[in-house]
C-alpha atoms as a PDB file:
ATOM      1  CA  MET A   1    -170.226  -3.042 250.727  1.00  0.00           C
ATOM      2  CA  ASN A   2    -168.357  -0.916 248.336  1.00  0.00           C
ATOM      3  CA  GLN A   3    -167.716  -2.558 244.937  1.00  0.00           C
ATOM      4  CA  GLN A   4    -166.031  -1.527 241.581  1.00  0.00           C
ATOM      5  CA  ALA A   5    -166.054  -2.974 238.132  1.00  0.00           C
ATOM      6  CA  VAL A   6    -162.376  -4.643 237.622  1.00  0.00           C
ATOM      7  CA  THR A   7    -161.173  -4.109 234.143  1.00  0.00           C
ATOM      8  CA  PRO A   8    -158.097  -6.257 232.592  1.00  0.00           C
ATOM      9  CA  GLY A   9    -154.794  -4.681 233.265  1.00  0.00           C
ATOM     10  CA  GLY A  10    -155.880  -2.246 236.109  1.00  0.00           C
ATOM     11  CA  PRO A  11    -158.172   0.748 235.818  1.00  0.00           C
ATOM     12  CA  GLN A  12    -156.226   2.586 233.142  1.00  0.00           C
ATOM     13  CA  GLY A  13    -154.202  -0.410 231.507  1.00  0.00           C
ATOM     14  CA  GLY A  14    -156.404  -1.854 229.070  1.00  0.00           C
ATOM     15  CA  SER A  15    -157.715   1.732 227.602  1.00  0.00           C
ATOM     16  CA  SER A  16    -154.365   2.991 227.354  1.00  0.00           C
ATOM     17  CA  THR A  17    -153.270   0.172 225.391  1.00  0.00           C
ATOM     18  CA  MET A  18    -156.380   0.356 223.230  1.00  0.00           C
ATOM     19  CA  LYS A  19    -155.546   3.833 222.624  1.00  0.00           C
ATOM     20  CA  TRP A  20    -152.175   3.130 221.357  1.00  0.00           C
ATOM     21  CA  LEU A  21    -153.740   0.646 219.106  1.00  0.00           C
ATOM     22  CA  LEU A  22    -156.090   3.081 217.597  1.00  0.00           C
ATOM     23  CA  ILE A  23    -153.411   5.700 217.090  1.00  0.00           C
ATOM     24  CA  VAL A  24    -151.379   2.951 215.363  1.00  0.00           C
ATOM     25  CA  LEU A  25    -154.239   1.621 213.189  1.00  0.00           C
ATOM     26  CA  VAL A  26    -154.904   5.406 212.168  1.00  0.00           C
ATOM     27  CA  ILE A  27    -151.229   6.025 210.926  1.00  0.00           C
ATOM     28  CA  VAL A  28    -151.011   2.868 209.109  1.00  0.00           C
ATOM     29  CA  ILE A  29    -154.452   3.526 207.368  1.00  0.00           C
ATOM     30  CA  VAL A  30    -153.373   7.370 206.561  1.00  0.00           C
ATOM     31  CA  LEU A  31    -150.093   6.326 205.171  1.00  0.00           C
ATOM     32  CA  GLY A  32    -151.285   3.178 203.324  1.00  0.00           C
ATOM     33  CA  GLY A  33    -154.003   5.690 201.503  1.00  0.00           C
ATOM     34  CA  GLY A  34    -151.111   8.362 200.956  1.00  0.00           C
ATOM     35  CA  TYR A  35    -149.041   5.495 199.511  1.00  0.00           C
ATOM     36  CA  LEU A  36    -151.626   4.386 197.035  1.00  0.00           C
ATOM     37  CA  LEU A  37    -152.829   7.717 195.641  1.00  0.00           C
ATOM     38  CA  TRP A  38    -148.920   8.526 195.222  1.00  0.00           C
ATOM     39  CA  THR A  39    -148.386   5.381 193.216  1.00  0.00           C
ATOM     40  CA  LYS A  40    -151.758   6.021 190.961  1.00  0.00           C
ATOM     41  CA  TYR A  41    -151.233   9.511 190.393  1.00  0.00           C
ATOM     42  CA  GLY A  42    -147.668   9.224 189.852  1.00  0.00           C
ATOM     43  CA  GLY A  43    -146.287  11.468 192.789  1.00  0.00           C
ATOM     44  CA  GLY A  44    -142.633  11.966 191.125  1.00  0.00           C
ATOM     45  CA  THR A  45    -140.548  10.857 188.203  1.00  0.00           C
ATOM     46  CA  SER A  46    -141.363   7.474 186.927  1.00  0.00           C
ATOM     47  CA  THR A  47    -138.305   5.132 186.447  1.00  0.00           C
ATOM     48  CA  ALA A  48    -140.553   2.910 183.621  1.00  0.00           C
ATOM     49  CA  THR A  49    -139.749   3.967 180.328  1.00  0.00           C
ATOM     50  CA  ALA A  50    -142.128   3.650 177.250  1.00  0.00           C
ATOM     51  CA  SER A  51    -140.915   1.222 174.831  1.00  0.00           C
ATOM     52  CA  PRO A  52    -142.279   0.622 171.022  1.00  0.00           C
ATOM     53  CA  PRO A  53    -144.029  -2.665 170.620  1.00  0.00           C
ATOM     54  CA  PRO A  54    -142.245  -5.250 169.037  1.00  0.00           C
ATOM     55  CA  VAL A  55    -142.479  -5.722 165.147  1.00  0.00           C
ATOM     56  CA  ALA A  56    -142.948  -8.956 163.561  1.00  0.00           C
ATOM     57  CA  SER A  57    -140.442  -9.707 160.932  1.00  0.00           C
ATOM     58  CA  VAL A  58    -141.919 -11.622 158.008  1.00  0.00           C
ATOM     59  CA  LYS A  59    -138.984 -13.464 156.038  1.00  0.00           C
ATOM     60  CA  ALA A  60    -139.883 -14.199 152.525  1.00  0.00           C
ATOM     61  CA  SER A  61    -139.071 -17.658 151.752  1.00  0.00           C
ATOM     62  CA  PRO A  62    -138.849 -19.294 148.023  1.00  0.00           C
ATOM     63  CA  SER A  63    -142.442 -19.950 147.157  1.00  0.00           C
ATOM     64  CA  ALA A  64    -143.057 -23.175 144.553  1.00  0.00           C
ATOM     65  CA  THR A  65    -143.639 -21.382 141.105  1.00  0.00           C
ATOM     66  CA  VAL A  66    -146.419 -22.892 138.719  1.00  0.00           C
ATOM     67  CA  SER A  67    -145.559 -23.257 135.119  1.00  0.00           C
ATOM     68  CA  PRO A  68    -148.131 -23.660 132.802  1.00  0.00           C
ATOM     69  CA  THR A  69    -148.125 -26.757 130.761  1.00  0.00           C
ATOM     70  CA  ALA A  70    -149.659 -26.931 127.245  1.00  0.00           C
ATOM     71  CA  GLN A  71    -152.324 -29.401 126.959  1.00  0.00           C
ATOM     72  CA  THR A  72    -153.285 -31.022 123.779  1.00  0.00           C
ATOM     73  CA  SER A  73    -156.354 -32.736 122.820  1.00  0.00           C
END
């Protein structure tokens, strides 16, 4: 009796699907890595502008004045 191993999806179906999934996975990895490198090393003009740090404003308020008093003994 001649018996052959049966693979899901026919003799070619499973390996073909696996091949396409592997190709898609490689494309996603390459595109994702390229995007990360592009954002890290600034592959173009940046839309963000540097703004100066905020300056704290100090408003002088009138302070109580101490007037010397004469002490007599």
